[in-house]
N, C-alpha and C. Protein backbone atom coordinates (compact mmCIF):
# COMPACT_ATOMS: atom_id res chain seq x y z
N MET A 1 39.65 37.88 12.65
CA MET A 1 40.57 37.28 11.69
C MET A 1 39.95 38.55 10.61
N GLN A 2 39.01 38.81 10.49
CA GLN A 2 38.73 40.13 9.14
C GLN A 2 39.75 41.46 9.60
N ASN A 3 40.07 41.62 10.76
CA ASN A 3 41.11 42.53 10.95
C ASN A 3 42.16 42.45 10.08
N TYR A 4 42.64 40.98 10.39
CA TYR A 4 44.15 40.84 10.19
C TYR A 4 44.29 40.48 8.70
N VAL A 5 43.22 39.91 8.16
CA VAL A 5 43.03 39.87 6.50
C VAL A 5 43.00 41.48 5.67
N LYS A 6 42.18 42.38 6.63
CA LYS A 6 42.51 43.59 6.12
C LYS A 6 43.62 44.58 6.16
N TRP A 7 44.54 43.83 7.13
CA TRP A 7 45.64 44.38 7.36
C TRP A 7 46.59 43.94 6.42
N LEU A 8 46.69 42.67 6.13
CA LEU A 8 47.36 41.79 5.13
C LEU A 8 47.22 42.72 3.67
N GLN A 9 45.95 42.95 3.47
CA GLN A 9 45.81 43.46 2.21
C GLN A 9 46.26 45.14 2.09
N GLU A 10 46.03 45.38 3.13
CA GLU A 10 46.72 46.94 3.04
C GLU A 10 47.96 47.21 3.13
N ASN A 11 48.85 45.92 3.53
CA ASN A 11 50.40 46.47 3.94
C ASN A 11 51.30 46.09 2.44
N GLU A 12 51.78 47.16 2.35
CA GLU A 12 52.40 47.10 1.08
C GLU A 12 53.73 46.33 1.20
N ARG A 13 54.41 46.09 2.20
CA ARG A 13 55.42 45.61 2.62
C ARG A 13 55.46 44.02 2.05
N PHE A 14 54.28 43.09 2.16
CA PHE A 14 54.55 42.06 1.93
C PHE A 14 53.75 41.61 0.26
N LYS A 15 52.67 42.78 -0.23
CA LYS A 15 52.22 42.20 -1.29
C LYS A 15 52.04 40.98 -1.50
N LEU A 16 50.89 40.39 -1.06
CA LEU A 16 50.34 39.09 -0.75
C LEU A 16 49.02 39.03 -1.94
N SER A 17 48.86 37.83 -2.45
CA SER A 17 47.66 37.76 -2.89
C SER A 17 47.01 36.33 -2.03
N GLU A 18 45.40 36.65 -2.28
CA GLU A 18 44.70 35.77 -1.85
C GLU A 18 44.55 34.46 -2.41
N ARG A 19 44.56 33.24 -1.93
CA ARG A 19 44.52 31.87 -2.66
C ARG A 19 44.19 30.92 -1.99
N TYR A 20 43.38 29.77 -2.13
CA TYR A 20 42.73 28.93 -1.13
C TYR A 20 42.78 27.73 -2.35
N ILE A 21 43.91 27.03 -2.19
CA ILE A 21 43.39 25.71 -3.11
C ILE A 21 42.81 24.65 -2.63
N GLY A 22 42.70 24.67 -1.03
CA GLY A 22 41.82 23.70 -0.73
C GLY A 22 42.44 22.34 -0.23
N SER A 23 43.88 22.39 -0.30
CA SER A 23 44.65 21.22 0.22
C SER A 23 45.79 21.99 1.03
N LEU A 24 45.96 21.86 2.31
CA LEU A 24 46.65 22.20 3.38
C LEU A 24 48.22 22.15 2.82
N VAL A 25 48.60 21.02 2.28
CA VAL A 25 49.82 20.77 1.83
C VAL A 25 50.38 21.78 0.51
N ALA A 26 49.39 21.66 -0.19
CA ALA A 26 49.29 22.36 -1.70
C ALA A 26 49.66 24.01 -1.38
N ASP A 27 48.80 24.50 -0.48
CA ASP A 27 48.79 25.71 0.03
C ASP A 27 50.10 26.19 0.57
N PHE A 28 50.46 25.14 1.99
CA PHE A 28 51.66 25.36 2.42
C PHE A 28 53.01 25.25 1.51
N HIS A 29 52.55 24.10 0.28
CA HIS A 29 54.09 24.44 -0.50
C HIS A 29 54.06 25.55 -1.36
N ARG A 30 53.42 26.02 -1.74
CA ARG A 30 53.31 27.37 -2.73
C ARG A 30 53.78 28.63 -1.62
N ASN A 31 53.25 28.45 -0.16
CA ASN A 31 53.88 29.48 0.57
C ASN A 31 55.34 29.46 0.88
N LEU A 32 55.70 28.21 1.13
CA LEU A 32 57.15 28.09 1.33
C LEU A 32 57.83 28.41 -0.26
N LEU A 33 57.49 28.11 -1.37
CA LEU A 33 58.21 28.75 -2.57
C LEU A 33 57.88 30.25 -2.57
N ARG A 34 56.94 30.76 -2.31
CA ARG A 34 56.74 32.43 -2.57
C ARG A 34 56.53 33.11 -1.24
N GLY A 35 56.45 32.60 -0.33
CA GLY A 35 56.17 33.30 1.10
C GLY A 35 54.70 33.64 1.25
N GLY A 36 54.21 33.84 2.17
CA GLY A 36 52.88 34.10 2.91
C GLY A 36 52.56 33.49 3.87
N VAL A 37 51.17 33.51 4.48
CA VAL A 37 50.73 32.67 5.46
C VAL A 37 49.50 31.54 5.09
N PHE A 38 49.64 30.94 5.64
CA PHE A 38 48.39 29.69 5.58
C PHE A 38 47.53 29.83 7.09
N MET A 39 46.31 30.25 6.96
CA MET A 39 45.58 30.19 8.44
C MET A 39 44.53 29.40 8.09
N TYR A 40 43.98 28.88 9.20
CA TYR A 40 42.64 27.98 9.30
C TYR A 40 42.42 28.15 10.69
N PRO A 41 41.67 29.67 11.00
CA PRO A 41 41.44 29.84 12.57
C PRO A 41 40.47 29.07 13.00
N ALA A 42 40.37 29.22 14.45
CA ALA A 42 39.05 28.94 14.95
C ALA A 42 37.74 29.45 14.53
N GLU A 43 36.85 28.76 14.30
CA GLU A 43 35.34 29.45 13.94
C GLU A 43 34.34 29.15 15.09
N THR A 44 33.27 29.80 15.41
CA THR A 44 32.05 29.76 16.19
C THR A 44 31.96 28.24 16.27
N LYS A 45 31.50 27.33 15.00
CA LYS A 45 31.32 26.01 14.84
C LYS A 45 32.43 25.18 15.26
N LYS A 46 33.65 25.56 14.98
CA LYS A 46 34.63 24.67 15.07
C LYS A 46 35.84 25.44 16.30
N PRO A 47 35.33 25.78 17.60
CA PRO A 47 36.37 26.62 18.56
C PRO A 47 37.85 25.83 18.61
N ASN A 48 37.94 24.67 18.13
CA ASN A 48 39.26 24.09 18.27
C ASN A 48 39.87 23.93 16.93
N GLY A 49 39.45 24.52 15.92
CA GLY A 49 39.62 24.58 14.42
C GLY A 49 39.42 23.38 13.80
N LYS A 50 40.14 23.22 12.48
CA LYS A 50 39.75 21.78 11.89
C LYS A 50 41.08 21.24 11.91
N ILE A 51 42.28 21.96 11.80
CA ILE A 51 43.54 21.10 11.47
C ILE A 51 43.95 20.01 12.39
N ARG A 52 44.34 18.72 11.81
CA ARG A 52 44.52 18.05 12.85
C ARG A 52 45.86 18.03 13.46
N LEU A 53 46.29 18.10 14.94
CA LEU A 53 47.71 18.49 15.20
C LEU A 53 48.48 17.72 15.12
N LEU A 54 48.53 16.10 15.22
CA LEU A 54 49.61 14.93 14.98
C LEU A 54 49.66 14.69 13.80
N TYR A 55 48.91 14.78 12.73
CA TYR A 55 48.80 14.39 11.44
C TYR A 55 49.41 15.55 10.28
N GLU A 56 48.89 16.88 10.68
CA GLU A 56 49.11 18.08 10.04
C GLU A 56 49.78 19.01 10.55
N GLY A 57 49.46 19.67 11.51
CA GLY A 57 49.80 20.81 12.30
C GLY A 57 51.06 20.58 12.56
N ALA A 58 51.75 19.61 13.36
CA ALA A 58 52.79 19.56 13.96
C ALA A 58 53.93 19.39 12.73
N PRO A 59 53.58 18.30 12.01
CA PRO A 59 54.53 17.91 11.07
C PRO A 59 54.98 19.14 10.09
N LEU A 60 53.85 20.02 9.73
CA LEU A 60 54.32 20.97 8.98
C LEU A 60 54.71 22.12 9.75
N ALA A 61 54.78 22.29 10.86
CA ALA A 61 55.15 23.26 11.71
C ALA A 61 56.69 22.81 11.66
N PHE A 62 57.28 21.86 11.78
CA PHE A 62 58.51 21.44 12.03
C PHE A 62 59.33 21.69 10.59
N ILE A 63 58.76 21.56 9.56
CA ILE A 63 58.93 21.91 8.39
C ILE A 63 59.09 23.28 8.24
N ALA A 64 58.04 23.98 8.31
CA ALA A 64 58.18 25.60 8.52
C ALA A 64 59.35 26.21 9.44
N GLU A 65 59.53 25.72 10.61
CA GLU A 65 60.74 26.28 11.44
C GLU A 65 62.01 25.86 10.85
N GLN A 66 62.28 24.92 10.16
CA GLN A 66 63.74 24.52 9.42
C GLN A 66 63.51 25.39 8.44
N ALA A 67 62.53 26.13 7.72
CA ALA A 67 62.91 27.08 6.36
C ALA A 67 62.74 28.33 6.91
N GLY A 68 62.82 28.55 8.64
CA GLY A 68 62.85 29.95 9.11
C GLY A 68 61.38 30.50 9.22
N GLY A 69 60.32 29.96 8.83
CA GLY A 69 59.26 30.17 9.20
C GLY A 69 58.56 30.15 10.60
N TYR A 70 57.39 29.96 10.91
CA TYR A 70 56.56 29.53 12.34
C TYR A 70 55.32 29.16 12.13
N ALA A 71 54.95 28.35 13.00
CA ALA A 71 53.40 27.98 13.12
C ALA A 71 52.77 28.04 14.39
N SER A 72 51.64 28.46 14.33
CA SER A 72 51.07 29.07 15.61
C SER A 72 49.67 28.59 15.92
N ASN A 73 48.75 28.26 16.78
CA ASN A 73 47.37 28.20 16.79
C ASN A 73 46.72 29.61 17.45
N GLY A 74 47.41 30.36 16.99
CA GLY A 74 46.98 32.07 17.26
C GLY A 74 47.53 32.29 18.90
N MET A 75 47.88 31.38 19.84
CA MET A 75 48.28 31.93 20.97
C MET A 75 49.69 31.35 21.41
N GLY A 76 50.29 30.61 20.46
CA GLY A 76 51.78 30.34 20.58
C GLY A 76 52.30 29.22 19.51
N SER A 77 53.26 29.07 20.00
CA SER A 77 53.81 27.92 18.88
C SER A 77 53.03 26.40 19.05
N ILE A 78 52.90 26.09 17.68
CA ILE A 78 52.41 24.59 17.61
C ILE A 78 52.96 23.55 18.13
N MET A 79 54.56 23.81 18.05
CA MET A 79 55.43 22.83 18.51
C MET A 79 55.68 22.86 20.00
N ASP A 80 54.52 23.58 20.57
CA ASP A 80 54.44 23.72 21.96
C ASP A 80 53.44 23.07 22.74
N VAL A 81 52.40 22.91 21.82
CA VAL A 81 51.35 22.24 22.39
C VAL A 81 51.43 20.90 22.73
N VAL A 82 51.01 20.62 23.66
CA VAL A 82 51.28 18.76 24.36
C VAL A 82 49.94 18.14 24.05
N PRO A 83 49.82 17.20 23.03
CA PRO A 83 48.48 16.63 22.59
C PRO A 83 48.29 15.90 23.63
N THR A 84 46.31 15.99 23.54
CA THR A 84 45.95 15.10 24.98
C THR A 84 44.96 14.23 24.19
N ASP A 85 44.75 14.35 22.66
CA ASP A 85 44.32 13.28 22.32
C ASP A 85 44.77 13.04 20.74
N LEU A 86 44.30 11.81 20.36
CA LEU A 86 45.11 11.43 18.97
C LEU A 86 44.77 12.13 17.97
N HIS A 87 43.60 12.50 17.81
CA HIS A 87 42.75 13.29 16.64
C HIS A 87 42.72 14.79 17.09
N GLN A 88 43.09 15.42 18.03
CA GLN A 88 43.01 16.70 18.64
C GLN A 88 43.20 17.51 17.43
N ARG A 89 42.22 18.80 17.10
CA ARG A 89 42.38 19.53 15.97
C ARG A 89 42.77 21.16 16.84
N THR A 90 43.08 21.81 16.11
CA THR A 90 43.75 22.78 16.44
C THR A 90 43.54 24.19 15.60
N PRO A 91 43.31 25.33 15.93
CA PRO A 91 43.48 26.43 14.79
C PRO A 91 44.68 26.51 14.40
N TYR A 92 45.12 27.28 13.19
CA TYR A 92 46.47 27.05 12.47
C TYR A 92 46.86 28.17 11.86
N PHE A 93 48.22 28.56 11.99
CA PHE A 93 48.63 29.58 11.05
C PHE A 93 49.99 29.22 11.06
N VAL A 94 50.34 29.36 9.74
CA VAL A 94 51.86 28.82 9.31
C VAL A 94 52.29 29.39 8.14
N GLY A 95 53.49 29.86 8.12
CA GLY A 95 54.58 30.63 7.39
C GLY A 95 55.34 31.63 7.69
N ASN A 96 55.21 32.72 6.84
CA ASN A 96 56.27 33.66 7.43
C ASN A 96 56.18 33.91 8.47
N ARG A 97 57.41 33.90 9.46
CA ARG A 97 57.34 34.20 10.84
C ARG A 97 56.73 35.44 11.17
N ALA A 98 57.06 36.51 10.42
CA ALA A 98 56.28 37.83 10.88
C ALA A 98 54.98 37.95 10.57
N LEU A 99 54.45 37.16 9.50
CA LEU A 99 53.04 37.33 9.24
C LEU A 99 52.39 36.22 10.49
N VAL A 100 52.80 35.23 10.85
CA VAL A 100 52.06 34.36 11.93
C VAL A 100 52.49 35.00 13.29
N MET A 101 53.17 35.78 13.34
CA MET A 101 53.54 36.45 14.83
C MET A 101 52.35 37.51 14.55
N LYS A 102 52.15 38.42 13.65
CA LYS A 102 51.16 39.44 13.48
C LYS A 102 49.67 38.75 13.68
N ALA A 103 49.21 37.67 13.16
CA ALA A 103 48.39 36.98 13.43
C ALA A 103 48.01 36.64 14.80
N GLU A 104 49.14 36.13 15.73
CA GLU A 104 48.73 36.13 16.98
C GLU A 104 48.55 37.55 17.63
N GLU A 105 48.71 38.41 17.13
CA GLU A 105 48.57 39.56 17.82
C GLU A 105 47.35 40.01 17.60
N PHE A 106 46.80 39.66 16.49
CA PHE A 106 45.51 40.10 16.25
C PHE A 106 44.44 39.01 16.82
N VAL A 107 44.56 37.77 17.03
CA VAL A 107 43.67 36.70 17.83
C VAL A 107 44.12 36.99 19.38
N GLN A 108 44.83 37.58 19.86
CA GLN A 108 45.01 37.66 20.99
C GLN A 108 44.23 38.94 21.66
N GLU A 109 44.36 40.07 20.83
CA GLU A 109 43.63 41.43 20.81
C GLU A 109 42.18 41.26 20.92
N SER A 110 41.87 40.45 19.79
CA SER A 110 40.58 39.65 19.83
C SER A 110 40.04 38.97 20.98
N ARG A 111 40.74 38.15 21.72
CA ARG A 111 40.23 37.29 22.77
C ARG A 111 40.11 38.54 23.84
N ILE A 112 41.15 39.60 24.18
CA ILE A 112 40.89 40.28 25.19
C ILE A 112 39.73 41.07 25.15
N ARG A 113 39.27 41.61 23.89
CA ARG A 113 38.16 42.56 23.71
C ARG A 113 36.62 41.75 23.90
N SER A 114 36.74 40.50 23.67
CA SER A 114 35.58 39.42 23.75
C SER A 114 35.46 39.18 25.22
N ASN A 115 36.76 38.84 26.09
CA ASN A 115 36.65 38.74 27.66
C ASN A 115 36.23 39.90 28.38
N GLY A 116 36.72 40.97 27.86
CA GLY A 116 36.38 42.40 28.57
C GLY A 116 37.24 42.46 29.08
N VAL A 117 38.74 42.06 29.30
CA VAL A 117 39.85 42.43 30.05
C VAL A 117 40.40 43.68 29.62
N ALA A 118 40.89 44.47 30.46
CA ALA A 118 42.04 45.61 29.98
C ALA A 118 43.15 45.11 30.10
N VAL A 119 44.30 45.47 29.22
CA VAL A 119 45.72 45.24 29.69
C VAL A 119 46.22 46.29 29.32
N SER A 120 47.32 46.92 30.33
CA SER A 120 47.71 47.90 29.82
C SER A 120 49.51 47.59 30.18
N ALA A 121 50.21 48.55 29.59
CA ALA A 121 51.81 47.97 29.70
C ALA A 121 52.36 49.07 30.55
N ASP A 122 53.13 48.62 31.89
CA ASP A 122 53.63 49.50 32.75
C ASP A 122 55.08 49.58 32.33
């Protein structure tokens, strides 16, 4: 995530500012109006993330997609996650489609490095 945030800060195309209001809905609303990305990635102490899939993640993912955005758990669309528990939690990235897809790239790259798997394009 540190590499992704650094990439965001250095990317002149998007000209984003960092902001954390502390409320998913308020941060999401601000991003709908001004653009950007909201992220609450997995952490060592919270490997399944913090955002509740059924109450927060999926409903806002639906709204984001209707507005042309995208929501992901870092590996794929939140809308493709099949719930297995009523209170299931998930890592969460939502906002501008290009920014969220770039976050997926960083998450997947990090997973490849941590698992020691080499991937090549043929």
